[in-house]
């Protein structure tokens, strides 16, 4: 990841104006001002989700945030469920990826994703596979080594990664996702994702820059790419983030109610910040309810009962999302 290009989301007037209070869902920006400034009329938003497991609280927060952003900006949004990418980058059975993919598509619809103002698709998409083939000529092995996910070593330690070639194929498909609007003639793209996926933005920009100067092999894309990165929900048990690939780090919508109860009402000091973040980002609570939970969290040493009540409320909320998730199974 090219970390020096990613800055905390502060003092960005265009972002403030376009996103309003929704900006609090994001922690960092990378060129977002250039595509959110006044007068930009052909903006297209792109995001994606890996179907390796039921959505964690972290994934749920991005899904909720994507629907909110679609409503706020009133621009086309493409959300991709990346089963082919996951097949190449993670050790998960294909049948499982297909099942979770279809369930995620239905769940996004249930959360309110508007397909009249956007598109839901997967990586089994001829246009995207063709686009991946077109852009491969503009990237080399060194690019993928220099721009890679920061948590790869953690995933490798857990035996979760695919081959090096598989990881490259996954990245190529995802860069093609980001560049779909460019391929369709749009001049402004906003990529929204977790901060750990910032390297995809850099790879997409490399493609745009290199094809511009490639003479007769140019794709004739003239596109600015900005990015906003969602706030991370810290992982349980001390992990840096909630990950679908590391079950001990997360609560997810496929868990049994008794397991969710144990994790969400946990009293382990290592879990409390993650649970508060989950309430803030993956609850759908109104501001008054959130402020009550924040106060209880901040004063939990003096009043454990109030903080315990907030966690019980979140357990009820998360179980409601879990029921909705199960209802989306085919």
Protein backbone atom coordinates (compact mmCIF):
# COMPACT_ATOMS: atom_id res chain seq x y z
CA UNK A 1 0.00 0.00 0.00
CA UNK A 2 1.27 3.48 -0.82
CA UNK A 3 0.64 4.81 2.68
CA UNK A 4 1.99 8.31 2.06
CA UNK A 5 -0.90 9.02 -0.36
CA UNK A 6 -3.55 8.18 2.23
CA UNK A 7 -4.37 10.90 4.74
CA UNK A 8 -6.75 11.15 7.70
CA UNK A 9 -10.14 12.49 6.72
CA UNK A 10 -9.82 16.04 8.05
CA UNK A 11 -10.14 19.52 6.53
CA UNK A 12 -11.52 18.37 3.19
CA UNK A 13 -14.24 20.90 2.28
CA UNK A 14 -15.64 19.04 -0.73
CA UNK A 15 -15.94 15.83 1.27
CA UNK A 16 -17.63 17.71 4.11
CA UNK A 17 -20.10 19.31 1.69
CA UNK A 18 -20.98 16.20 -0.29
CA UNK A 19 -21.09 13.71 2.60
CA UNK A 20 -22.31 15.80 5.54
CA UNK A 21 -22.53 13.76 8.74
CA UNK A 22 -21.93 10.59 6.72
CA UNK A 23 -18.24 11.53 6.58
CA UNK A 24 -17.85 10.13 10.12
CA UNK A 25 -18.09 6.63 8.63
CA UNK A 26 -14.72 7.20 6.96
CA UNK A 27 -11.29 7.54 8.53
CA UNK A 28 -9.02 8.29 5.56
CA UNK A 29 -9.16 9.78 2.08
CA UNK A 30 -6.97 9.56 -0.99
CA UNK A 31 -7.75 12.06 -3.73
CA UNK A 32 -11.44 12.13 -2.81
CA UNK A 33 -11.58 15.92 -3.12
CA UNK A 34 -10.80 15.72 -6.84
CA UNK A 35 -13.91 13.64 -7.58
CA UNK A 36 -16.30 15.10 -4.98
CA UNK A 37 -15.70 18.77 -5.75
CA UNK A 38 -18.62 20.93 -6.91
CA UNK A 39 -19.37 20.63 -10.61
CA UNK A 40 -18.45 16.95 -10.99
CA UNK A 41 -21.45 15.40 -12.72
CA UNK A 42 -20.28 11.99 -13.95
CA UNK A 43 -19.16 10.48 -10.65
CA UNK A 44 -19.44 6.71 -10.27
CA UNK A 45 -18.86 4.90 -6.95
CA UNK A 46 -17.35 1.40 -6.78
CA UNK A 47 -17.07 -0.99 -3.84
CA UNK A 48 -16.91 -4.72 -3.25
CA UNK A 49 -17.22 -7.55 -0.76
CA UNK A 50 -15.50 -10.91 -0.47
CA UNK A 51 -17.93 -13.81 0.08
CA UNK A 52 -15.68 -16.02 2.20
CA UNK A 53 -18.15 -16.04 5.09
CA UNK A 54 -21.26 -14.37 6.42
CA UNK A 55 -20.72 -10.60 6.93
CA UNK A 56 -18.81 -9.63 10.03
CA UNK A 57 -19.78 -6.48 11.90
CA UNK A 58 -17.03 -4.79 9.87
CA UNK A 59 -18.48 -5.93 6.55
CA UNK A 60 -21.97 -5.03 7.74
CA UNK A 61 -20.76 -1.52 8.54
CA UNK A 62 -19.44 -1.10 4.98
CA UNK A 63 -22.67 -2.46 3.50
CA UNK A 64 -24.77 -0.06 5.57
CA UNK A 65 -22.39 2.77 4.69
CA UNK A 66 -22.59 1.95 0.98
CA UNK A 67 -26.39 2.16 1.00
CA UNK A 68 -26.25 5.43 2.94
CA UNK A 69 -23.69 6.86 0.52
CA UNK A 70 -25.79 5.86 -2.48
CA UNK A 71 -28.73 7.78 -1.04
CA UNK A 72 -26.61 10.77 -0.04
CA UNK A 73 -24.73 11.26 -3.32
CA UNK A 74 -27.51 10.13 -5.68
CA UNK A 75 -24.97 8.82 -8.19
CA UNK A 76 -24.49 5.36 -9.75
CA UNK A 77 -22.93 2.81 -7.40
CA UNK A 78 -21.51 -0.58 -8.41
CA UNK A 79 -21.12 -3.15 -5.63
CA UNK A 80 -19.21 -6.30 -6.53
CA UNK A 81 -19.32 -9.64 -4.73
CA UNK A 82 -15.90 -11.00 -5.64
CA UNK A 83 -16.26 -14.78 -5.61
CA UNK A 84 -13.60 -15.37 -8.29
CA UNK A 85 -11.20 -13.09 -6.47
CA UNK A 86 -11.84 -14.90 -3.20
CA UNK A 87 -11.44 -18.27 -4.92
CA UNK A 88 -7.94 -17.28 -5.99
CA UNK A 89 -6.82 -15.47 -2.83
CA UNK A 90 -8.36 -17.57 -0.03
CA UNK A 91 -8.65 -21.29 0.67
CA UNK A 92 -12.45 -21.56 0.54
CA UNK A 93 -14.57 -24.11 -1.34
CA UNK A 94 -16.18 -22.83 -4.55
CA UNK A 95 -19.66 -24.02 -3.57
CA UNK A 96 -19.38 -22.03 -0.34
CA UNK A 97 -18.34 -18.90 -2.22
CA UNK A 98 -21.32 -19.23 -4.57
CA UNK A 99 -23.74 -19.67 -1.69
CA UNK A 100 -22.45 -16.66 0.26
CA UNK A 101 -22.25 -14.58 -2.93
CA UNK A 102 -25.94 -15.08 -3.70
CA UNK A 103 -26.91 -14.43 -0.10
CA UNK A 104 -24.86 -11.21 -0.02
CA UNK A 105 -26.54 -9.93 -3.15
CA UNK A 106 -29.97 -10.48 -1.62
CA UNK A 107 -28.86 -8.99 1.69
CA UNK A 108 -27.66 -5.78 0.05
CA UNK A 109 -31.07 -5.48 -1.59
CA UNK A 110 -32.72 -6.05 1.77
CA UNK A 111 -30.58 -3.29 3.31
CA UNK A 112 -31.91 -0.90 0.69
CA UNK A 113 -29.41 -0.92 -2.18
CA UNK A 114 -31.21 0.81 -5.08
CA UNK A 115 -30.64 -1.05 -8.34
CA UNK A 116 -32.32 1.74 -10.29
CA UNK A 117 -29.33 3.88 -9.27
CA UNK A 118 -26.62 1.27 -9.29
CA UNK A 119 -25.61 -2.27 -10.07
CA UNK A 120 -24.97 -5.42 -8.07
CA UNK A 121 -22.80 -8.03 -9.76
CA UNK A 122 -20.19 -10.67 -9.11
CA UNK A 123 -16.82 -11.49 -10.66
CA UNK A 124 -18.50 -13.97 -12.98
CA UNK A 125 -18.99 -11.10 -15.39
CA UNK A 126 -17.74 -11.26 -18.99
CA UNK A 127 -17.13 -7.52 -19.25
CA UNK A 128 -15.01 -7.47 -16.11
CA UNK A 129 -13.03 -10.54 -17.09
CA UNK A 130 -12.37 -8.95 -20.49
CA UNK A 131 -11.34 -5.72 -18.81
CA UNK A 132 -8.95 -7.61 -16.51
CA UNK A 133 -7.34 -9.10 -19.61
CA UNK A 134 -6.98 -5.67 -21.20
CA UNK A 135 -5.31 -4.03 -18.21
CA UNK A 136 -2.92 -6.89 -17.42
CA UNK A 137 -0.42 -5.58 -20.00
CA UNK A 138 0.03 -2.37 -17.99
CA UNK A 139 1.05 -4.06 -14.71
CA UNK A 140 4.08 -6.15 -13.79
CA UNK A 141 4.99 -8.53 -10.99
CA UNK A 142 6.86 -5.80 -9.15
CA UNK A 143 3.70 -3.68 -9.03
CA UNK A 144 1.82 -6.43 -7.22
CA UNK A 145 4.72 -6.97 -4.81
CA UNK A 146 4.93 -3.26 -3.97
CA UNK A 147 1.17 -2.78 -3.67
CA UNK A 148 -0.25 -5.52 -1.52
CA UNK A 149 -2.49 -6.07 1.48
CA UNK A 150 -0.81 -5.35 4.80
CA UNK A 151 -2.46 -8.33 6.52
CA UNK A 152 -1.15 -10.97 4.10
CA UNK A 153 1.35 -12.32 6.63
CA UNK A 154 -1.41 -12.70 9.22
CA UNK A 155 -3.61 -14.58 6.77
CA UNK A 156 -0.68 -16.73 5.68
CA UNK A 157 0.06 -17.65 9.29
CA UNK A 158 -3.51 -18.96 9.51
CA UNK A 159 -3.17 -21.00 6.31
CA UNK A 160 -5.78 -18.93 4.50
CA UNK A 161 -3.98 -17.67 1.40
CA UNK A 162 -4.08 -18.95 -2.14
CA UNK A 163 -1.00 -19.05 -4.37
CA UNK A 164 1.05 -16.03 -5.43
CA UNK A 165 -0.48 -16.26 -8.89
CA UNK A 166 -3.93 -16.50 -7.31
CA UNK A 167 -3.33 -13.35 -5.27
CA UNK A 168 -2.25 -11.54 -8.45
CA UNK A 169 -5.36 -12.71 -10.31
CA UNK A 170 -7.54 -11.51 -7.44
CA UNK A 171 -5.89 -8.08 -7.51
CA UNK A 172 -6.24 -7.89 -11.28
CA UNK A 173 -9.98 -8.61 -11.11
CA UNK A 174 -10.44 -5.99 -8.39
CA UNK A 175 -8.50 -3.32 -10.29
CA UNK A 176 -10.75 -4.11 -13.27
CA UNK A 177 -13.75 -3.53 -10.97
CA UNK A 178 -12.48 -0.07 -10.04
CA UNK A 179 -11.86 0.78 -13.68
CA UNK A 180 -15.29 -0.30 -14.95
CA UNK A 181 -16.56 3.31 -14.93
CA UNK A 182 -13.48 4.39 -16.92
CA UNK A 183 -14.19 1.65 -19.45
CA UNK A 184 -17.74 3.02 -19.75
CA UNK A 185 -16.61 6.59 -20.35
CA UNK A 186 -16.85 8.08 -16.85
CA UNK A 187 -14.19 10.58 -15.87
CA UNK A 188 -14.53 10.46 -12.07
CA UNK A 189 -14.45 7.32 -9.93
CA UNK A 190 -14.79 7.10 -6.15
CA UNK A 191 -13.58 3.84 -4.69
CA UNK A 192 -14.86 3.07 -1.18
CA UNK A 193 -13.40 0.24 0.89
CA UNK A 194 -11.46 -0.63 4.00
CA UNK A 195 -8.08 1.07 4.42
CA UNK A 196 -6.30 -2.27 3.99
CA UNK A 197 -7.50 -2.27 0.37
CA UNK A 198 -5.92 1.10 -0.50
CA UNK A 199 -3.33 -0.67 -2.66
CA UNK A 200 -6.05 -1.44 -5.22
CA UNK A 201 -6.50 2.31 -5.74
CA UNK A 202 -2.79 2.71 -6.45
CA UNK A 203 -2.78 -0.18 -8.93
CA UNK A 204 -5.80 1.27 -10.74
CA UNK A 205 -4.05 4.63 -11.04
CA UNK A 206 -0.96 2.95 -12.46
CA UNK A 207 -3.10 1.43 -15.19
CA UNK A 208 -4.72 4.77 -16.05
CA UNK A 209 -1.35 6.53 -16.19
CA UNK A 210 0.44 3.89 -18.21
CA UNK A 211 -2.28 3.34 -20.78
CA UNK A 212 -2.39 7.08 -21.45
CA UNK A 213 1.20 7.04 -22.63
CA UNK A 214 1.13 3.71 -24.45
CA UNK A 215 0.50 5.08 -27.92
CA UNK A 216 -1.41 2.73 -30.17
CA UNK A 217 -2.21 0.36 -27.28
CA UNK A 218 -3.91 3.06 -25.20
CA UNK A 219 -7.42 2.31 -23.95
CA UNK A 220 -8.21 6.05 -24.20
CA UNK A 221 -9.26 6.29 -20.56
CA UNK A 222 -9.04 9.73 -18.97
CA UNK A 223 -10.25 9.18 -15.44
CA UNK A 224 -9.55 10.56 -11.97
CA UNK A 225 -9.75 8.03 -9.16
CA UNK A 226 -10.44 9.12 -5.60
CA UNK A 227 -10.91 6.94 -2.58
CA UNK A 228 -12.59 7.02 0.82
CA UNK A 229 -11.72 4.38 3.39
CA UNK A 230 -14.20 3.22 5.98
CA UNK A 231 -13.35 3.26 9.65
CA UNK A 232 -12.03 -0.08 10.80
CA UNK A 233 -13.86 -2.08 13.44
CA UNK A 234 -11.14 -3.49 15.63
CA UNK A 235 -11.01 -7.26 15.96
CA UNK A 236 -11.95 -9.19 19.06
CA UNK A 237 -9.21 -10.93 21.04
CA UNK A 238 -6.66 -8.28 20.06
CA UNK A 239 -6.75 -8.78 16.29
CA UNK A 240 -6.22 -5.58 14.23
CA UNK A 241 -9.61 -5.87 12.49
CA UNK A 242 -12.67 -8.06 12.29
CA UNK A 243 -11.92 -10.49 9.49
CA UNK A 244 -14.18 -13.06 7.86
CA UNK A 245 -11.10 -15.19 7.37
CA UNK A 246 -10.15 -15.27 11.08
CA UNK A 247 -13.24 -16.46 13.03
CA UNK A 248 -11.84 -15.62 16.48
CA UNK A 249 -11.52 -11.95 15.50
CA UNK A 250 -15.14 -11.29 14.69
CA UNK A 251 -18.84 -11.52 15.19
CA UNK A 252 -20.66 -12.38 12.00
CA UNK A 253 -24.24 -12.82 10.86
CA UNK A 254 -23.95 -16.57 10.43
CA UNK A 255 -23.10 -17.27 14.07
CA UNK A 256 -25.49 -19.04 16.41
CA UNK A 257 -27.29 -16.81 18.90
CA UNK A 258 -25.52 -18.31 21.92
CA UNK A 259 -22.08 -17.66 20.37
CA UNK A 260 -23.04 -14.08 19.52
CA UNK A 261 -24.30 -13.60 23.07
CA UNK A 262 -20.97 -14.69 24.54
CA UNK A 263 -18.94 -12.47 22.21
CA UNK A 264 -21.10 -9.34 22.29
CA UNK A 265 -21.53 -9.39 26.07
CA UNK A 266 -17.86 -10.23 26.63
CA UNK A 267 -16.17 -8.52 29.55
CA UNK A 268 -12.64 -9.09 28.23
CA UNK A 269 -10.78 -5.76 28.18
CA UNK A 270 -9.40 -6.66 24.73
CA UNK A 271 -12.93 -6.75 23.26
CA UNK A 272 -14.54 -3.56 24.55
CA UNK A 273 -13.23 -1.05 21.98
CA UNK A 274 -14.24 -3.37 19.15
CA UNK A 275 -17.75 -3.72 20.54
CA UNK A 276 -18.15 0.06 20.83
CA UNK A 277 -16.95 0.49 17.25
CA UNK A 278 -19.45 -2.12 16.10
CA UNK A 279 -22.25 -0.19 17.80
CA UNK A 280 -21.17 3.04 16.12
CA UNK A 281 -20.79 1.63 12.63
CA UNK A 282 -22.89 -1.54 12.31
CA UNK A 283 -26.07 -0.92 14.25
CA UNK A 284 -28.23 1.58 12.41
CA UNK A 285 -28.95 3.23 15.76
CA UNK A 286 -30.08 6.84 15.94
CA UNK A 287 -27.78 9.48 17.42
CA UNK A 288 -29.45 9.52 20.83
CA UNK A 289 -29.06 5.77 21.26
CA UNK A 290 -25.45 5.92 20.08
CA UNK A 291 -24.60 8.73 22.48
CA UNK A 292 -26.07 6.75 25.35
CA UNK A 293 -23.88 3.79 24.42
CA UNK A 294 -20.80 6.00 24.07
CA UNK A 295 -21.36 7.48 27.52
CA UNK A 296 -21.78 4.01 29.01
CA UNK A 297 -18.57 2.86 27.30
CA UNK A 298 -16.58 5.85 28.51
CA UNK A 299 -17.78 5.36 32.10
CA UNK A 300 -17.84 1.57 32.15
CA UNK A 301 -15.31 1.36 34.98
CA UNK A 302 -17.73 3.18 37.28
CA UNK A 303 -20.98 1.74 35.91
CA UNK A 304 -20.60 -1.71 34.39
CA UNK A 305 -24.38 -2.21 34.44
CA UNK A 306 -25.01 0.63 31.94
CA UNK A 307 -22.33 -0.68 29.59
CA UNK A 308 -23.72 -4.19 29.96
CA UNK A 309 -27.17 -2.88 29.02
CA UNK A 310 -25.75 -1.24 25.88
CA UNK A 311 -24.14 -4.53 24.88
CA UNK A 312 -27.39 -6.41 25.43
CA UNK A 313 -29.15 -3.87 23.19
CA UNK A 314 -26.53 -4.40 20.52
CA UNK A 315 -26.94 -8.16 20.81
CA UNK A 316 -30.65 -7.74 20.05
CA UNK A 317 -29.85 -5.48 17.09
CA UNK A 318 -27.23 -7.82 15.66
CA UNK A 319 -29.53 -10.82 16.03
CA UNK A 320 -32.13 -8.92 14.00
CA UNK A 321 -29.58 -8.43 11.21
CA UNK A 322 -28.68 -12.12 11.51
CA UNK A 323 -32.33 -13.10 11.01
CA UNK A 324 -32.45 -10.84 7.96
CA UNK A 325 -29.28 -12.50 6.64
CA UNK A 326 -30.74 -16.00 7.04
CA UNK A 327 -33.92 -14.90 5.25
CA UNK A 328 -31.79 -13.98 2.22
CA UNK A 329 -30.54 -17.54 1.76
CA UNK A 330 -31.85 -19.28 -1.34
